[in-house]
Amino acid sequence: MLVVAKSVKGQEFLYSPKSAHQVKGLSAQKMAEFLNKQNHDLKENEVWYVHDVGMYDRAYAYAETQIFERSRSGNVRQKFRMRGC
């Protein structure tokens, strides 16, 4: 699954699994560019970056419950959903 997650600038392989989000409505790369342009929830030396995670990666579980999606108006919104037990 392709996700966007906060990563260390210059060392993008280091990322926070808790920040992983699925992307709907735009490609993951376009969403990362948009979030970086807006400086969405970033600290110094952080960037949104696209990662390909497998189902055994911690980021996969987080991305199943956190989604960035593009609305018809072009705005990006963050959604949360509960996973079934």
N, C-alpha and C. Protein backbone atom coordinates (compact mmCIF):
# COMPACT_ATOMS: atom_id res chain seq x y z
N MET A 1 0.85 -1.17 0.00
CA MET A 1 0.00 0.00 0.00
C MET A 1 0.89 1.23 0.00
N LEU A 2 0.58 2.19 -0.85
CA LEU A 2 1.28 3.47 -0.84
C LEU A 2 0.65 4.37 0.21
N VAL A 3 1.48 4.96 1.05
CA VAL A 3 1.01 5.86 2.09
C VAL A 3 1.88 7.11 2.07
N VAL A 4 1.37 8.19 2.66
CA VAL A 4 2.21 9.36 2.94
C VAL A 4 2.44 9.38 4.44
N ALA A 5 3.67 9.69 4.82
CA ALA A 5 4.02 9.74 6.23
C ALA A 5 5.06 10.83 6.44
N LYS A 6 5.13 11.34 7.65
CA LYS A 6 6.15 12.34 7.97
C LYS A 6 7.50 11.67 8.03
N SER A 7 8.47 12.27 7.35
CA SER A 7 9.81 11.71 7.27
C SER A 7 10.83 12.78 7.62
N VAL A 8 12.03 12.33 7.95
CA VAL A 8 13.13 13.25 8.24
C VAL A 8 13.67 13.78 6.91
N LYS A 9 13.72 15.11 6.79
CA LYS A 9 14.20 15.73 5.54
C LYS A 9 15.64 15.30 5.29
N GLY A 10 15.89 14.82 4.06
CA GLY A 10 17.22 14.37 3.68
C GLY A 10 17.48 12.91 4.00
N GLN A 11 16.66 12.32 4.88
CA GLN A 11 16.78 10.91 5.24
C GLN A 11 15.37 10.31 5.22
N GLU A 12 14.74 10.35 4.07
CA GLU A 12 13.33 10.03 3.96
C GLU A 12 12.98 8.59 4.33
N PHE A 13 14.00 7.72 4.41
CA PHE A 13 13.72 6.35 4.83
C PHE A 13 13.38 6.27 6.31
N LEU A 14 13.69 7.34 7.07
CA LEU A 14 13.29 7.43 8.47
C LEU A 14 11.95 8.14 8.55
N TYR A 15 10.93 7.43 8.99
CA TYR A 15 9.59 8.02 9.03
C TYR A 15 8.84 7.58 10.27
N SER A 16 7.77 8.29 10.57
CA SER A 16 6.93 7.98 11.72
C SER A 16 5.75 7.11 11.27
N PRO A 17 5.70 5.85 11.69
CA PRO A 17 4.57 5.00 11.32
C PRO A 17 3.23 5.56 11.77
N LYS A 18 3.22 6.26 12.91
CA LYS A 18 1.96 6.82 13.43
C LYS A 18 1.39 7.91 12.52
N SER A 19 2.21 8.49 11.67
CA SER A 19 1.74 9.55 10.79
C SER A 19 1.29 9.03 9.43
N ALA A 20 1.36 7.72 9.21
CA ALA A 20 1.02 7.14 7.91
C ALA A 20 -0.47 7.29 7.61
N HIS A 21 -0.78 7.77 6.39
CA HIS A 21 -2.16 7.97 5.94
C HIS A 21 -2.34 7.35 4.56
N GLN A 22 -3.48 6.71 4.36
CA GLN A 22 -3.88 6.32 3.01
C GLN A 22 -4.20 7.58 2.24
N VAL A 23 -4.17 7.48 0.93
CA VAL A 23 -4.48 8.63 0.09
C VAL A 23 -5.59 8.25 -0.87
N LYS A 24 -6.63 9.09 -0.92
CA LYS A 24 -7.73 8.87 -1.85
C LYS A 24 -8.01 10.15 -2.61
N GLY A 25 -8.25 10.04 -3.90
CA GLY A 25 -8.62 11.20 -4.71
C GLY A 25 -7.46 11.85 -5.45
N LEU A 26 -6.26 11.62 -5.03
CA LEU A 26 -5.05 12.11 -5.70
C LEU A 26 -4.01 11.02 -5.64
N SER A 27 -3.01 11.11 -6.45
CA SER A 27 -1.91 10.15 -6.31
C SER A 27 -1.17 10.48 -5.01
N ALA A 28 -0.50 9.49 -4.47
CA ALA A 28 0.22 9.69 -3.22
C ALA A 28 1.28 10.78 -3.37
N GLN A 29 1.96 10.81 -4.52
CA GLN A 29 3.00 11.83 -4.73
C GLN A 29 2.40 13.24 -4.76
N LYS A 30 1.28 13.41 -5.43
CA LYS A 30 0.64 14.73 -5.48
C LYS A 30 0.15 15.15 -4.10
N MET A 31 -0.34 14.19 -3.31
CA MET A 31 -0.79 14.50 -1.96
C MET A 31 0.40 14.94 -1.11
N ALA A 32 1.52 14.23 -1.21
CA ALA A 32 2.71 14.61 -0.44
C ALA A 32 3.18 16.01 -0.82
N GLU A 33 3.18 16.32 -2.11
CA GLU A 33 3.57 17.66 -2.56
C GLU A 33 2.63 18.71 -2.00
N PHE A 34 1.33 18.44 -2.03
CA PHE A 34 0.35 19.40 -1.51
C PHE A 34 0.55 19.62 -0.01
N LEU A 35 0.71 18.54 0.75
CA LEU A 35 0.89 18.65 2.20
C LEU A 35 2.16 19.41 2.55
N ASN A 36 3.23 19.17 1.79
CA ASN A 36 4.48 19.89 2.02
C ASN A 36 4.34 21.37 1.69
N LYS A 37 3.64 21.67 0.63
CA LYS A 37 3.41 23.06 0.23
C LYS A 37 2.62 23.81 1.30
N GLN A 38 1.64 23.12 1.91
CA GLN A 38 0.83 23.71 2.97
C GLN A 38 1.51 23.65 4.33
N ASN A 39 2.65 22.95 4.41
CA ASN A 39 3.36 22.76 5.68
C ASN A 39 2.44 22.12 6.72
N HIS A 40 1.63 21.17 6.29
CA HIS A 40 0.60 20.56 7.12
C HIS A 40 1.20 19.75 8.27
N ASP A 41 1.04 20.23 9.49
CA ASP A 41 1.42 19.51 10.71
C ASP A 41 2.89 19.06 10.71
N LEU A 42 3.77 19.90 10.17
CA LEU A 42 5.18 19.53 10.10
C LEU A 42 6.01 20.31 11.11
N LYS A 43 7.00 19.65 11.66
CA LYS A 43 7.99 20.30 12.51
C LYS A 43 9.21 20.59 11.65
N GLU A 44 10.20 21.28 12.23
CA GLU A 44 11.42 21.58 11.49
C GLU A 44 12.09 20.28 11.08
N ASN A 45 12.63 20.23 9.87
CA ASN A 45 13.31 19.06 9.30
C ASN A 45 12.38 17.87 9.03
N GLU A 46 11.09 18.11 8.84
CA GLU A 46 10.16 17.05 8.48
C GLU A 46 9.54 17.36 7.12
N VAL A 47 9.24 16.32 6.38
CA VAL A 47 8.52 16.43 5.11
C VAL A 47 7.55 15.25 5.01
N TRP A 48 6.50 15.45 4.23
CA TRP A 48 5.61 14.33 3.89
C TRP A 48 6.25 13.61 2.72
N TYR A 49 6.31 12.29 2.79
CA TYR A 49 6.99 11.50 1.77
C TYR A 49 6.17 10.23 1.51
N VAL A 50 6.25 9.72 0.30
CA VAL A 50 5.51 8.51 -0.08
C VAL A 50 6.33 7.28 0.28
N HIS A 51 5.67 6.34 0.95
CA HIS A 51 6.30 5.07 1.33
C HIS A 51 5.41 3.92 0.87
N ASP A 52 6.03 2.85 0.45
CA ASP A 52 5.32 1.63 0.08
C ASP A 52 5.47 0.66 1.25
N VAL A 53 4.37 0.41 1.96
CA VAL A 53 4.43 -0.43 3.15
C VAL A 53 3.64 -1.71 2.94
N GLY A 54 4.09 -2.76 3.59
CA GLY A 54 3.42 -4.05 3.53
C GLY A 54 2.52 -4.24 4.74
N MET A 55 1.72 -5.28 4.69
CA MET A 55 0.73 -5.48 5.75
C MET A 55 1.36 -5.82 7.11
N TYR A 56 2.64 -6.17 7.15
CA TYR A 56 3.30 -6.47 8.42
C TYR A 56 4.06 -5.27 8.97
N ASP A 57 3.97 -4.15 8.32
CA ASP A 57 4.61 -2.91 8.77
C ASP A 57 3.64 -2.18 9.71
N ARG A 58 4.16 -1.58 10.78
CA ARG A 58 3.29 -0.83 11.70
C ARG A 58 2.55 0.29 10.99
N ALA A 59 3.19 0.90 10.01
CA ALA A 59 2.56 2.00 9.29
C ALA A 59 1.30 1.55 8.57
N TYR A 60 1.25 0.30 8.16
CA TYR A 60 0.08 -0.24 7.45
C TYR A 60 -1.17 -0.16 8.34
N ALA A 61 -1.02 -0.56 9.59
CA ALA A 61 -2.15 -0.53 10.53
C ALA A 61 -2.64 0.90 10.76
N TYR A 62 -1.72 1.83 10.91
CA TYR A 62 -2.11 3.23 11.08
C TYR A 62 -2.81 3.76 9.83
N ALA A 63 -2.27 3.41 8.66
CA ALA A 63 -2.83 3.92 7.41
C ALA A 63 -4.22 3.38 7.14
N GLU A 64 -4.56 2.23 7.71
CA GLU A 64 -5.91 1.70 7.54
C GLU A 64 -6.94 2.56 8.27
N THR A 65 -6.52 3.32 9.26
CA THR A 65 -7.46 4.12 10.04
C THR A 65 -7.36 5.61 9.80
N GLN A 66 -6.33 6.07 9.09
CA GLN A 66 -6.13 7.49 8.81
C GLN A 66 -6.07 7.70 7.30
N ILE A 67 -6.88 8.61 6.80
CA ILE A 67 -6.97 8.81 5.36
C ILE A 67 -6.93 10.29 5.04
N PHE A 68 -6.15 10.66 4.04
CA PHE A 68 -6.24 11.98 3.43
C PHE A 68 -7.02 11.79 2.14
N GLU A 69 -8.05 12.60 1.95
CA GLU A 69 -8.79 12.52 0.70
C GLU A 69 -9.10 13.91 0.19
N ARG A 70 -9.23 13.98 -1.11
CA ARG A 70 -9.52 15.24 -1.78
C ARG A 70 -11.02 15.35 -1.99
N SER A 71 -11.59 16.46 -1.58
CA SER A 71 -13.03 16.68 -1.77
C SER A 71 -13.29 17.22 -3.17
N ARG A 72 -14.53 17.28 -3.54
CA ARG A 72 -14.89 17.79 -4.87
C ARG A 72 -14.46 19.24 -5.07
N SER A 73 -14.40 20.00 -3.98
CA SER A 73 -14.01 21.40 -4.07
C SER A 73 -12.49 21.56 -4.22
N GLY A 74 -11.75 20.45 -4.11
CA GLY A 74 -10.30 20.52 -4.25
C GLY A 74 -9.57 20.59 -2.93
N ASN A 75 -10.30 20.71 -1.84
CA ASN A 75 -9.68 20.76 -0.53
C ASN A 75 -9.31 19.35 -0.08
N VAL A 76 -8.30 19.26 0.75
CA VAL A 76 -7.89 17.98 1.31
C VAL A 76 -8.39 17.92 2.74
N ARG A 77 -8.96 16.78 3.08
CA ARG A 77 -9.43 16.61 4.46
C ARG A 77 -8.90 15.30 5.02
N GLN A 78 -8.78 15.30 6.32
CA GLN A 78 -8.27 14.14 7.02
C GLN A 78 -9.46 13.40 7.63
N LYS A 79 -9.53 12.09 7.41
CA LYS A 79 -10.62 11.29 7.96
C LYS A 79 -10.03 10.18 8.82
N PHE A 80 -10.78 9.80 9.81
CA PHE A 80 -10.40 8.70 10.67
C PHE A 80 -11.52 7.66 10.63
N ARG A 81 -11.15 6.40 10.63
CA ARG A 81 -12.18 5.37 10.69
C ARG A 81 -11.71 4.29 11.64
N MET A 82 -12.67 3.68 12.28
CA MET A 82 -12.38 2.62 13.24
C MET A 82 -12.27 1.30 12.52
N ARG A 83 -11.35 0.49 12.93
CA ARG A 83 -11.21 -0.84 12.36
C ARG A 83 -12.10 -1.81 13.14
N GLY A 84 -12.68 -2.74 12.43
CA GLY A 84 -13.51 -3.75 13.07
C GLY A 84 -12.67 -4.71 13.88
N CYS A 85 -13.25 -5.21 14.95
CA CYS A 85 -12.51 -6.16 15.81
C CYS A 85 -12.79 -7.59 15.41
